[in-house]
Amino acid sequence: MTPYEVAKTLHRELAPLVPKLAAALNRALVEIGEGSSLVGLGPGTHKEDHVSFQEYEAVELQGAQPAEIIARITNALQVLGANSSWEVLIDKKSTHGKDRMELMYTIYRMGRKM
């Protein structure tokens, strides 16, 4: 799959559930991309550059269990792992309400420098 196809698939799966994660993955795949093999581009744009950024999102549970939502996100992210060098770490923050879950995502690509 091309980065655009991966972004479209992830957007379709994740946007209704976690729209900020869907947007962040679109940024990673389309705006930053897999990195160019050209030399002399700005920081984070070369294929051997390490790139990471974070996004925060409050998810309304709407009767779902937090584990169900994390499982759906994890299943969708398998497409990302199989078709790109990007990875996502998900941190769940404790909340005071039962109808909301706070998530922080770290989206990163490890460069290939040796």
Protein backbone atom coordinates (compact mmCIF):
# COMPACT_ATOMS: atom_id res chain seq x y z
CA MET A 1 0.00 0.00 0.00
CA THR A 2 1.13 3.53 -0.68
CA PRO A 3 1.30 6.04 2.19
CA TYR A 4 -1.86 7.67 0.80
CA GLU A 5 -3.74 4.35 0.80
CA VAL A 6 -2.58 3.62 4.35
CA ALA A 7 -3.66 7.10 5.49
CA LYS A 8 -7.07 6.65 3.85
CA THR A 9 -7.57 3.22 5.44
CA LEU A 10 -6.55 4.46 8.89
CA HIS A 11 -8.72 7.55 8.56
CA ARG A 12 -11.74 5.42 7.67
CA GLU A 13 -11.14 3.13 10.67
CA LEU A 14 -10.05 5.66 13.29
CA ALA A 15 -11.67 9.04 12.54
CA PRO A 16 -15.11 8.16 13.95
CA LEU A 17 -13.49 6.88 17.15
CA VAL A 18 -10.30 8.95 17.67
CA PRO A 19 -10.18 11.81 15.15
CA LYS A 20 -7.00 13.44 16.47
CA LEU A 21 -5.06 10.18 16.11
CA ALA A 22 -6.38 9.80 12.56
CA ALA A 23 -5.23 13.35 11.74
CA ALA A 24 -1.81 12.80 13.34
CA LEU A 25 -1.26 9.62 11.33
CA ASN A 26 -2.27 11.45 8.17
CA ARG A 27 0.36 14.08 8.99
CA ALA A 28 2.98 11.39 9.56
CA LEU A 29 2.21 9.48 6.39
CA VAL A 30 1.41 12.27 3.97
CA GLU A 31 3.06 15.49 5.18
CA ILE A 32 6.23 14.07 6.71
CA GLY A 33 6.10 10.80 4.77
CA GLU A 34 8.56 7.97 4.83
CA GLY A 35 11.40 10.38 4.18
CA SER A 36 13.18 11.18 0.99
CA SER A 37 16.34 9.53 -0.20
CA LEU A 38 17.49 12.96 -1.38
CA VAL A 39 20.25 14.61 0.62
CA GLY A 40 20.02 18.17 1.90
CA LEU A 41 16.39 18.31 2.91
CA GLY A 42 15.33 19.82 6.24
CA PRO A 43 15.38 17.99 9.58
CA GLY A 44 13.01 15.03 9.75
CA THR A 45 12.55 14.75 6.01
CA HIS A 46 15.46 12.47 5.18
CA LYS A 47 14.72 8.74 5.37
CA GLU A 48 17.45 8.27 7.97
CA ASP A 49 16.17 10.99 10.34
CA HIS A 50 14.49 10.15 13.62
CA VAL A 51 11.10 11.87 13.82
CA SER A 52 8.57 11.96 16.64
CA PHE A 53 5.65 14.07 17.78
CA GLN A 54 2.82 13.77 20.27
CA GLU A 55 -0.91 14.28 20.22
CA TYR A 56 -3.41 14.35 23.09
CA GLU A 57 -7.07 13.37 22.85
CA ALA A 58 -10.03 12.99 25.19
CA VAL A 59 -12.28 10.18 23.96
CA GLU A 60 -15.95 10.00 24.88
CA LEU A 61 -16.65 6.35 25.71
CA GLN A 62 -20.37 6.44 24.80
CA GLY A 63 -21.00 3.16 26.62
CA ALA A 64 -17.90 1.38 25.33
CA GLN A 65 -15.21 -0.01 27.58
CA PRO A 66 -11.72 1.57 27.41
CA ALA A 67 -10.21 -1.82 26.53
CA GLU A 68 -12.53 -2.12 23.52
CA ILE A 69 -11.42 1.25 22.17
CA ILE A 70 -7.72 0.49 22.70
CA ALA A 71 -8.22 -2.88 20.95
CA ARG A 72 -9.86 -1.20 17.95
CA ILE A 73 -7.02 1.33 17.75
CA THR A 74 -4.41 -1.44 18.03
CA ASN A 75 -6.06 -3.47 15.27
CA ALA A 76 -6.09 -0.46 12.95
CA LEU A 77 -2.46 0.33 13.75
CA GLN A 78 -1.42 -3.08 12.45
CA VAL A 79 -2.00 -1.67 8.97
CA LEU A 80 0.41 1.16 9.81
CA GLY A 81 3.10 -1.22 11.07
CA ALA A 82 2.80 -3.50 8.06
CA ASN A 83 3.00 -0.71 5.49
CA SER A 84 5.27 2.00 6.90
CA SER A 85 8.14 2.68 9.25
CA TRP A 86 5.91 4.70 11.62
CA GLU A 87 4.94 3.40 15.04
CA VAL A 88 2.58 4.65 17.75
CA LEU A 89 2.83 4.45 21.53
CA ILE A 90 -0.44 4.98 23.39
CA ASP A 91 -0.53 6.23 26.98
CA LYS A 92 -3.82 6.22 28.85
CA LYS A 93 -4.15 8.91 31.49
CA SER A 94 -6.33 8.40 34.52
CA THR A 95 -9.58 10.34 34.47
CA HIS A 96 -12.12 11.20 37.10
CA GLY A 97 -15.18 10.49 34.99
CA LYS A 98 -16.38 7.14 33.77
CA ASP A 99 -17.61 8.43 30.42
CA ARG A 100 -14.26 9.75 29.18
CA MET A 101 -10.78 8.40 28.51
CA GLU A 102 -7.72 10.58 27.96
CA LEU A 103 -5.08 9.29 25.56
CA MET A 104 -1.67 10.60 24.60
CA TYR A 105 -0.08 9.31 21.41
CA THR A 106 3.59 9.36 20.53
CA ILE A 107 4.00 8.88 16.78
CA TYR A 108 7.54 8.14 15.74
CA ARG A 109 9.80 6.86 12.99
CA MET A 110 13.23 5.56 13.87
CA GLY A 111 15.87 6.46 11.34
CA ARG A 112 18.25 3.99 9.82
CA LYS A 113 21.49 5.65 10.90
CA MET A 114 24.27 3.32 11.86
